[in-house]
Amino acid sequence: MGPRTFAPWVLSALLSHSAWGAYPVLARYLQNTHHLGTMSLSMMTNTLALVILIVIARPYQISTYVWHTFDSSSKEPGNKFSGGRF
């Protein structure tokens, strides 16, 4: 694993640890300043996480679907050209 492939993982780790540390501070600020309840705050953060997950995971899901659907050399049961169930 070279330095070029290692750098995105380090950046991801730094960002996730920063978010993990900043979350309680921001949550307390929103609860005290804007009078948000615990469930409202939880719903907002989970909705934001879901949107980010969809944005990140969607290109991978589409490329995997297209690859397995139109790969005629594959003999997997879900392959469109293998005679299996789709």
PDB file of N, CA and C in Angstrom:
ATOM      1  N   MET A   1       0.848  -1.166   0.000  1.00  0.00           N
ATOM      2  CA  MET A   1       0.000   0.000   0.000  1.00  0.00           C
ATOM      3  C   MET A   1       0.895   1.231   0.000  1.00  0.00           C
ATOM      4  N   GLY A   2       0.839   1.976  -1.069  1.00  0.00           N
ATOM      5  CA  GLY A   2       1.672   3.154  -1.203  1.00  0.00           C
ATOM      6  C   GLY A   2       1.080   4.356  -0.499  1.00  0.00           C
ATOM      7  N   PRO A   3       1.837   5.442  -0.452  1.00  0.00           N
ATOM      8  CA  PRO A   3       1.355   6.644   0.220  1.00  0.00           C
ATOM      9  C   PRO A   3       0.125   7.259  -0.449  1.00  0.00           C
ATOM     10  N   ARG A   4      -0.023   7.063  -1.753  1.00  0.00           N
ATOM     11  CA  ARG A   4      -1.189   7.632  -2.440  1.00  0.00           C
ATOM     12  C   ARG A   4      -2.476   6.933  -2.025  1.00  0.00           C
ATOM     13  N   THR A   5      -2.431   5.629  -1.818  1.00  0.00           N
ATOM     14  CA  THR A   5      -3.642   4.911  -1.423  1.00  0.00           C
ATOM     15  C   THR A   5      -3.881   5.001   0.074  1.00  0.00           C
ATOM     16  N   PHE A   6      -2.855   5.356   0.807  1.00  0.00           N
ATOM     17  CA  PHE A   6      -2.968   5.452   2.256  1.00  0.00           C
ATOM     18  C   PHE A   6      -3.558   6.795   2.694  1.00  0.00           C
ATOM     19  N   ALA A   7      -3.321   7.845   1.932  1.00  0.00           N
ATOM     20  CA  ALA A   7      -3.744   9.194   2.299  1.00  0.00           C
ATOM     21  C   ALA A   7      -5.267   9.346   2.438  1.00  0.00           C
ATOM     22  N   PRO A   8      -6.096   8.819   1.532  1.00  0.00           N
ATOM     23  CA  PRO A   8      -7.548   8.981   1.718  1.00  0.00           C
ATOM     24  C   PRO A   8      -8.064   8.318   3.000  1.00  0.00           C
ATOM     25  N   TRP A   9      -7.450   7.213   3.393  1.00  0.00           N
ATOM     26  CA  TRP A   9      -7.891   6.540   4.617  1.00  0.00           C
ATOM     27  C   TRP A   9      -7.510   7.351   5.846  1.00  0.00           C
ATOM     28  N   VAL A  10      -6.352   7.968   5.823  1.00  0.00           N
ATOM     29  CA  VAL A  10      -5.943   8.822   6.941  1.00  0.00           C
ATOM     30  C   VAL A  10      -6.863  10.033   7.029  1.00  0.00           C
ATOM     31  N   LEU A  11      -7.164  10.636   5.893  1.00  0.00           N
ATOM     32  CA  LEU A  11      -8.078  11.774   5.875  1.00  0.00           C
ATOM     33  C   LEU A  11      -9.456  11.373   6.385  1.00  0.00           C
ATOM     34  N   SER A  12      -9.948  10.216   5.960  1.00  0.00           N
ATOM     35  CA  SER A  12     -11.242   9.723   6.430  1.00  0.00           C
ATOM     36  C   SER A  12     -11.242   9.494   7.937  1.00  0.00           C
ATOM     37  N   ALA A  13     -10.160   8.935   8.455  1.00  0.00           N
ATOM     38  CA  ALA A  13     -10.057   8.704   9.898  1.00  0.00           C
ATOM     39  C   ALA A  13     -10.025  10.020  10.664  1.00  0.00           C
ATOM     40  N   LEU A  14      -9.272  10.997  10.177  1.00  0.00           N
ATOM     41  CA  LEU A  14      -9.207  12.298  10.850  1.00  0.00           C
ATOM     42  C   LEU A  14     -10.560  12.997  10.844  1.00  0.00           C
ATOM     43  N   LEU A  15     -11.260  12.948   9.721  1.00  0.00           N
ATOM     44  CA  LEU A  15     -12.572  13.585   9.648  1.00  0.00           C
ATOM     45  C   LEU A  15     -13.592  12.897  10.550  1.00  0.00           C
ATOM     46  N   SER A  16     -13.558  11.579  10.591  1.00  0.00           N
ATOM     47  CA  SER A  16     -14.530  10.871  11.428  1.00  0.00           C
ATOM     48  C   SER A  16     -14.264  11.106  12.914  1.00  0.00           C
ATOM     49  N   HIS A  17     -13.001  11.143  13.309  1.00  0.00           N
ATOM     50  CA  HIS A  17     -12.683  11.411  14.713  1.00  0.00           C
ATOM     51  C   HIS A  17     -13.001  12.851  15.083  1.00  0.00           C
ATOM     52  N   SER A  18     -12.814  13.770  14.150  1.00  0.00           N
ATOM     53  CA  SER A  18     -13.177  15.165  14.407  1.00  0.00           C
ATOM     54  C   SER A  18     -14.689  15.305  14.570  1.00  0.00           C
ATOM     55  N   ALA A  19     -15.440  14.636  13.706  1.00  0.00           N
ATOM     56  CA  ALA A  19     -16.903  14.684  13.821  1.00  0.00           C
ATOM     57  C   ALA A  19     -17.372  14.036  15.113  1.00  0.00           C
ATOM     58  N   TRP A  20     -16.737  12.935  15.489  1.00  0.00           N
ATOM     59  CA  TRP A  20     -17.101  12.247  16.726  1.00  0.00           C
ATOM     60  C   TRP A  20     -16.862  13.147  17.945  1.00  0.00           C
ATOM     61  N   GLY A  21     -15.786  13.921  17.909  1.00  0.00           N
ATOM     62  CA  GLY A  21     -15.477  14.814  19.025  1.00  0.00           C
ATOM     63  C   GLY A  21     -16.318  16.077  19.021  1.00  0.00           C
ATOM     64  N   ALA A  22     -16.701  16.570  17.841  1.00  0.00           N
ATOM     65  CA  ALA A  22     -17.458  17.822  17.758  1.00  0.00           C
ATOM     66  C   ALA A  22     -18.958  17.611  17.964  1.00  0.00           C
ATOM     67  N   TYR A  23     -19.444  16.406  17.789  1.00  0.00           N
ATOM     68  CA  TYR A  23     -20.881  16.155  17.876  1.00  0.00           C
ATOM     69  C   TYR A  23     -21.486  16.545  19.235  1.00  0.00           C
ATOM     70  N   PRO A  24     -20.895  16.159  20.369  1.00  0.00           N
ATOM     71  CA  PRO A  24     -21.517  16.540  21.646  1.00  0.00           C
ATOM     72  C   PRO A  24     -21.566  18.055  21.855  1.00  0.00           C
ATOM     73  N   VAL A  25     -20.549  18.748  21.401  1.00  0.00           N
ATOM     74  CA  VAL A  25     -20.518  20.204  21.554  1.00  0.00           C
ATOM     75  C   VAL A  25     -21.623  20.845  20.721  1.00  0.00           C
ATOM     76  N   LEU A  26     -21.735  20.427  19.459  1.00  0.00           N
ATOM     77  CA  LEU A  26     -22.775  20.982  18.599  1.00  0.00           C
ATOM     78  C   LEU A  26     -24.173  20.582  19.062  1.00  0.00           C
ATOM     79  N   ALA A  27     -24.312  19.367  19.550  1.00  0.00           N
ATOM     80  CA  ALA A  27     -25.619  18.918  20.043  1.00  0.00           C
ATOM     81  C   ALA A  27     -26.055  19.740  21.246  1.00  0.00           C
ATOM     82  N   ARG A  28     -25.149  19.984  22.167  1.00  0.00           N
ATOM     83  CA  ARG A  28     -25.481  20.784  23.351  1.00  0.00           C
ATOM     84  C   ARG A  28     -25.814  22.219  22.953  1.00  0.00           C
ATOM     85  N   TYR A  29     -25.083  22.757  21.981  1.00  0.00           N
ATOM     86  CA  TYR A  29     -25.368  24.112  21.499  1.00  0.00           C
ATOM     87  C   TYR A  29     -26.776  24.193  20.910  1.00  0.00           C
ATOM     88  N   LEU A  30     -27.139  23.235  20.059  1.00  0.00           N
ATOM     89  CA  LEU A  30     -28.473  23.260  19.462  1.00  0.00           C
ATOM     90  C   LEU A  30     -29.565  23.038  20.497  1.00  0.00           C
ATOM     91  N   GLN A  31     -29.304  22.218  21.500  1.00  0.00           N
ATOM     92  CA  GLN A  31     -30.308  21.982  22.529  1.00  0.00           C
ATOM     93  C   GLN A  31     -30.539  23.233  23.380  1.00  0.00           C
ATOM     94  N   ASN A  32     -29.481  23.945  23.702  1.00  0.00           N
ATOM     95  CA  ASN A  32     -29.619  25.109  24.581  1.00  0.00           C
ATOM     96  C   ASN A  32     -30.037  26.366  23.827  1.00  0.00           C
ATOM     97  N   THR A  33     -29.496  26.583  22.653  1.00  0.00           N
ATOM     98  CA  THR A  33     -29.777  27.811  21.925  1.00  0.00           C
ATOM     99  C   THR A  33     -31.111  27.758  21.191  1.00  0.00           C
ATOM    100  N   HIS A  34     -31.369  26.669  20.490  1.00  0.00           N
ATOM    101  CA  HIS A  34     -32.577  26.564  19.669  1.00  0.00           C
ATOM    102  C   HIS A  34     -33.658  25.708  20.319  1.00  0.00           C
ATOM    103  N   HIS A  35     -33.414  25.253  21.526  1.00  0.00           N
ATOM    104  CA  HIS A  35     -34.384  24.475  22.313  1.00  0.00           C
ATOM    105  C   HIS A  35     -34.894  23.252  21.553  1.00  0.00           C
ATOM    106  N   LEU A  36     -33.970  22.509  20.948  1.00  0.00           N
ATOM    107  CA  LEU A  36     -34.327  21.262  20.277  1.00  0.00           C
ATOM    108  C   LEU A  36     -34.326  20.116  21.274  1.00  0.00           C
ATOM    109  N   GLY A  37     -35.296  19.240  21.145  1.00  0.00           N
ATOM    110  CA  GLY A  37     -35.344  18.075  22.006  1.00  0.00           C
ATOM    111  C   GLY A  37     -34.363  17.002  21.529  1.00  0.00           C
ATOM    112  N   THR A  38     -34.173  16.002  22.354  1.00  0.00           N
ATOM    113  CA  THR A  38     -33.232  14.935  22.028  1.00  0.00           C
ATOM    114  C   THR A  38     -33.668  14.153  20.798  1.00  0.00           C
ATOM    115  N   MET A  39     -34.951  13.839  20.702  1.00  0.00           N
ATOM    116  CA  MET A  39     -35.439  13.068  19.559  1.00  0.00           C
ATOM    117  C   MET A  39     -35.369  13.885  18.265  1.00  0.00           C
ATOM    118  N   SER A  40     -35.668  15.159  18.327  1.00  0.00           N
ATOM    119  CA  SER A  40     -35.571  16.014  17.142  1.00  0.00           C
ATOM    120  C   SER A  40     -34.138  16.086  16.647  1.00  0.00           C
ATOM    121  N   LEU A  41     -33.227  16.235  17.571  1.00  0.00           N
ATOM    122  CA  LEU A  41     -31.817  16.306  17.205  1.00  0.00           C
ATOM    123  C   LEU A  41     -31.331  14.976  16.629  1.00  0.00           C
ATOM    124  N   SER A  42     -31.773  13.882  17.222  1.00  0.00           N
ATOM    125  CA  SER A  42     -31.412  12.558  16.722  1.00  0.00           C
ATOM    126  C   SER A  42     -31.973  12.326  15.318  1.00  0.00           C
ATOM    127  N   MET A  43     -33.213  12.751  15.086  1.00  0.00           N
ATOM    128  CA  MET A  43     -33.814  12.597  13.774  1.00  0.00           C
ATOM    129  C   MET A  43     -33.062  13.420  12.726  1.00  0.00           C
ATOM    130  N   MET A  44     -32.667  14.621  13.074  1.00  0.00           N
ATOM    131  CA  MET A  44     -31.936  15.471  12.127  1.00  0.00           C
ATOM    132  C   MET A  44     -30.581  14.859  11.765  1.00  0.00           C
ATOM    133  N   THR A  45     -29.855  14.377  12.750  1.00  0.00           N
ATOM    134  CA  THR A  45     -28.532  13.819  12.462  1.00  0.00           C
ATOM    135  C   THR A  45     -28.630  12.499  11.698  1.00  0.00           C
ATOM    136  N   ASN A  46     -29.615  11.683  12.014  1.00  0.00           N
ATOM    137  CA  ASN A  46     -29.785  10.425  11.282  1.00  0.00           C
ATOM    138  C   ASN A  46     -30.239  10.660   9.849  1.00  0.00           C
ATOM    139  N   THR A  47     -31.064  11.668   9.623  1.00  0.00           N
ATOM    140  CA  THR A  47     -31.475  12.013   8.260  1.00  0.00           C
ATOM    141  C   THR A  47     -30.278  12.504   7.452  1.00  0.00           C
ATOM    142  N   LEU A  48     -29.454  13.327   8.063  1.00  0.00           N
ATOM    143  CA  LEU A  48     -28.250  13.804   7.387  1.00  0.00           C
ATOM    144  C   LEU A  48     -27.309  12.644   7.059  1.00  0.00           C
ATOM    145  N   ALA A  49     -27.144  11.717   7.993  1.00  0.00           N
ATOM    146  CA  ALA A  49     -26.291  10.552   7.750  1.00  0.00           C
ATOM    147  C   ALA A  49     -26.858   9.688   6.631  1.00  0.00           C
ATOM    148  N   LEU A  50     -28.169   9.539   6.554  1.00  0.00           N
ATOM    149  CA  LEU A  50     -28.787   8.748   5.495  1.00  0.00           C
ATOM    150  C   LEU A  50     -28.564   9.387   4.124  1.00  0.00           C
ATOM    151  N   VAL A  51     -28.706  10.695   4.044  1.00  0.00           N
ATOM    152  CA  VAL A  51     -28.480  11.393   2.776  1.00  0.00           C
ATOM    153  C   VAL A  51     -27.030  11.219   2.329  1.00  0.00           C
ATOM    154  N   ILE A  52     -26.093  11.363   3.242  1.00  0.00           N
ATOM    155  CA  ILE A  52     -24.679  11.192   2.905  1.00  0.00           C
ATOM    156  C   ILE A  52     -24.409   9.755   2.476  1.00  0.00           C
ATOM    157  N   LEU A  53     -24.989   8.785   3.157  1.00  0.00           N
ATOM    158  CA  LEU A  53     -24.815   7.385   2.788  1.00  0.00           C
ATOM    159  C   LEU A  53     -25.348   7.102   1.388  1.00  0.00           C
ATOM    160  N   ILE A  54     -26.498   7.647   1.064  1.00  0.00           N
ATOM    161  CA  ILE A  54     -27.075   7.439  -0.267  1.00  0.00           C
ATOM    162  C   ILE A  54     -26.186   8.048  -1.338  1.00  0.00           C
ATOM    163  N   VAL A  55     -25.664   9.233  -1.077  1.00  0.00           N
ATOM    164  CA  VAL A  55     -24.795   9.895  -2.058  1.00  0.00           C
ATOM    165  C   VAL A  55     -23.513   9.100  -2.272  1.00  0.00           C
ATOM    166  N   ILE A  56     -22.954   8.543  -1.199  1.00  0.00           N
ATOM    167  CA  ILE A  56     -21.702   7.797  -1.313  1.00  0.00           C
ATOM    168  C   ILE A  56     -21.940   6.404  -1.899  1.00  0.00           C
ATOM    169  N   ALA A  57     -22.977   5.713  -1.466  1.00  0.00           N
ATOM    170  CA  ALA A  57     -23.185   4.315  -1.855  1.00  0.00           C
ATOM    171  C   ALA A  57     -23.865   4.162  -3.211  1.00  0.00           C
ATOM    172  N   ARG A  58     -24.580   5.149  -3.674  1.00  0.00           N
ATOM    173  CA  ARG A  58     -25.345   5.008  -4.906  1.00  0.00           C
ATOM    174  C   ARG A  58     -24.485   4.727  -6.135  1.00  0.00           C
ATOM    175  N   PRO A  59     -23.385   5.441  -6.378  1.00  0.00           N
ATOM    176  CA  PRO A  59     -22.583   5.108  -7.565  1.00  0.00           C
ATOM    177  C   PRO A  59     -22.051   3.676  -7.543  1.00  0.00           C
ATOM    178  N   TYR A  60     -21.655   3.178  -6.385  1.00  0.00           N
ATOM    179  CA  TYR A  60     -21.163   1.805  -6.286  1.00  0.00           C
ATOM    180  C   TYR A  60     -22.284   0.816  -6.583  1.00  0.00           C
ATOM    181  N   GLN A  61     -23.471   1.080  -6.069  1.00  0.00           N
ATOM    182  CA  GLN A  61     -24.601   0.179  -6.281  1.00  0.00           C
ATOM    183  C   GLN A  61     -24.984   0.136  -7.758  1.00  0.00           C
ATOM    184  N   ILE A  62     -25.003   1.274  -8.413  1.00  0.00           N
ATOM    185  CA  ILE A  62     -25.366   1.312  -9.829  1.00  0.00           C
ATOM    186  C   ILE A  62     -24.318   0.599 -10.675  1.00  0.00           C
ATOM    187  N   SER A  63     -23.031   0.842 -10.407  1.00  0.00           N
ATOM    188  CA  SER A  63     -21.986   0.200 -11.205  1.00  0.00           C
ATOM    189  C   SER A  63     -21.974  -1.311 -10.984  1.00  0.00           C
ATOM    190  N   THR A  64     -22.240  -1.768  -9.773  1.00  0.00           N
ATOM    191  CA  THR A  64     -22.303  -3.201  -9.500  1.00  0.00           C
ATOM    192  C   THR A  64     -23.483  -3.834 -10.224  1.00  0.00           C
ATOM    193  N   TYR A  65     -24.622  -3.163 -10.219  1.00  0.00           N
ATOM    194  CA  TYR A  65     -25.809  -3.680 -10.909  1.00  0.00           C
ATOM    195  C   TYR A  65     -25.553  -3.795 -12.412  1.00  0.00           C
ATOM    196  N   VAL A  66     -24.990  -2.751 -12.996  1.00  0.00           N
ATOM    197  CA  VAL A  66     -24.734  -2.762 -14.436  1.00  0.00           C
ATOM    198  C   VAL A  66     -23.712  -3.833 -14.781  1.00  0.00           C
ATOM    199  N   TRP A  67     -22.669  -3.975 -13.970  1.00  0.00           N
ATOM    200  CA  TRP A  67     -21.620  -4.956 -14.242  1.00  0.00           C
ATOM    201  C   TRP A  67     -22.182  -6.373 -14.220  1.00  0.00           C
ATOM    202  N   HIS A  68     -22.990  -6.711 -13.208  1.00  0.00           N
ATOM    203  CA  HIS A  68     -23.521  -8.066 -13.098  1.00  0.00           C
ATOM    204  C   HIS A  68     -24.655  -8.331 -14.076  1.00  0.00           C
ATOM    205  N   THR A  69     -25.339  -7.301 -14.522  1.00  0.00           N
ATOM    206  CA  THR A  69     -26.448  -7.495 -15.448  1.00  0.00           C
ATOM    207  C   THR A  69     -25.959  -7.754 -16.865  1.00  0.00           C
ATOM    208  N   PHE A  70     -24.958  -7.049 -17.299  1.00  0.00           N
ATOM    209  CA  PHE A  70     -24.542  -7.118 -18.692  1.00  0.00           C
ATOM    210  C   PHE A  70     -23.242  -7.883 -18.917  1.00  0.00           C
ATOM    211  N   ASP A  71     -22.726  -8.574 -17.912  1.00  0.00           N
ATOM    212  CA  ASP A  71     -21.521  -9.370 -18.075  1.00  0.00           C
ATOM    213  C   ASP A  71     -21.922 -10.751 -18.573  1.00  0.00           C
ATOM    214  N   SER A  72     -21.745 -11.007 -19.847  1.00  0.00           N
ATOM    215  CA  SER A  72     -22.210 -12.266 -20.431  1.00  0.00           C
ATOM    216  C   SER A  72     -21.291 -13.440 -20.112  1.00  0.00           C
ATOM    217  N   SER A  73     -20.072 -13.168 -19.646  1.00  0.00           N
ATOM    218  CA  SER A  73     -19.153 -14.262 -19.341  1.00  0.00           C
ATOM    219  C   SER A  73     -19.416 -14.866 -17.970  1.00  0.00           C
ATOM    220  N   SER A  74     -20.161 -14.165 -17.130  1.00  0.00           N
ATOM    221  CA  SER A  74     -20.427 -14.643 -15.781  1.00  0.00           C
ATOM    222  C   SER A  74     -21.556 -15.666 -15.800  1.00  0.00           C
ATOM    223  N   LYS A  75     -21.440 -16.693 -14.979  1.00  0.00           N
ATOM    224  CA  LYS A  75     -22.481 -17.725 -14.901  1.00  0.00           C
ATOM    225  C   LYS A  75     -23.207 -17.679 -13.562  1.00  0.00           C
ATOM    226  N   GLU A  76     -23.327 -16.494 -12.987  1.00  0.00           N
ATOM    227  CA  GLU A  76     -24.027 -16.366 -11.715  1.00  0.00           C
ATOM    228  C   GLU A  76     -25.526 -16.544 -11.935  1.00  0.00           C
ATOM    229  N   PRO A  77     -26.259 -17.014 -10.914  1.00  0.00           N
ATOM    230  CA  PRO A  77     -27.694 -17.242 -11.079  1.00  0.00           C
ATOM    231  C   PRO A  77     -28.481 -15.980 -11.416  1.00  0.00           C
ATOM    232  N   GLY A  78     -28.011 -14.827 -10.973  1.00  0.00           N
ATOM    233  CA  GLY A  78     -28.751 -13.598 -11.238  1.00  0.00           C
ATOM    234  C   GLY A  78     -28.394 -12.956 -12.547  1.00  0.00           C
ATOM    235  N   ASN A  79     -27.566 -13.579 -13.354  1.00  0.00           N
ATOM    236  CA  ASN A  79     -27.136 -12.987 -14.604  1.00  0.00           C
ATOM    237  C   ASN A  79     -28.252 -13.081 -15.633  1.00  0.00           C
ATOM    238  N   LYS A  80     -28.470 -11.995 -16.329  1.00  0.00           N
ATOM    239  CA  LYS A  80     -29.534 -11.917 -17.328  1.00  0.00           C
ATOM    240  C   LYS A  80     -29.307 -12.873 -18.498  1.00  0.00           C
ATOM    241  N   PHE A  81     -28.038 -13.122 -18.858  1.00  0.00           N
ATOM    242  CA  PHE A  81     -27.722 -13.916 -20.037  1.00  0.00           C
ATOM    243  C   PHE A  81     -27.464 -15.383 -19.723  1.00  0.00           C
ATOM    244  N   SER A  82     -27.461 -15.759 -18.458  1.00  0.00           N
ATOM    245  CA  SER A  82     -27.126 -17.135 -18.126  1.00  0.00           C
ATOM    246  C   SER A  82     -28.339 -18.045 -18.065  1.00  0.00           C
ATOM    247  N   GLY A  83     -29.518 -17.472 -18.220  1.00  0.00           N
ATOM    248  CA  GLY A  83     -30.723 -18.278 -18.160  1.00  0.00           C
ATOM    249  C   GLY A  83     -31.247 -18.452 -16.741  1.00  0.00           C
ATOM    250  N   GLY A  84     -30.562 -17.868 -15.766  1.00  0.00           N
ATOM    251  CA  GLY A  84     -30.994 -17.963 -14.379  1.00  0.00           C
ATOM    252  C   GLY A  84     -32.065 -16.943 -14.061  1.00  0.00           C
ATOM    253  N   ARG A  85     -32.530 -16.969 -12.855  1.00  0.00           N
ATOM    254  CA  ARG A  85     -33.550 -16.010 -12.429  1.00  0.00           C
ATOM    255  C   ARG A  85     -32.903 -14.666 -12.215  1.00  0.00           C
ATOM    256  N   PHE A  86     -33.584 -13.604 -12.589  1.00  0.00           N
ATOM    257  CA  PHE A  86     -33.042 -12.264 -12.427  1.00  0.00           C
ATOM    258  C   PHE A  86     -33.632 -11.606 -11.230  1.00  0.00           C
TER     259      PHE A  86
END
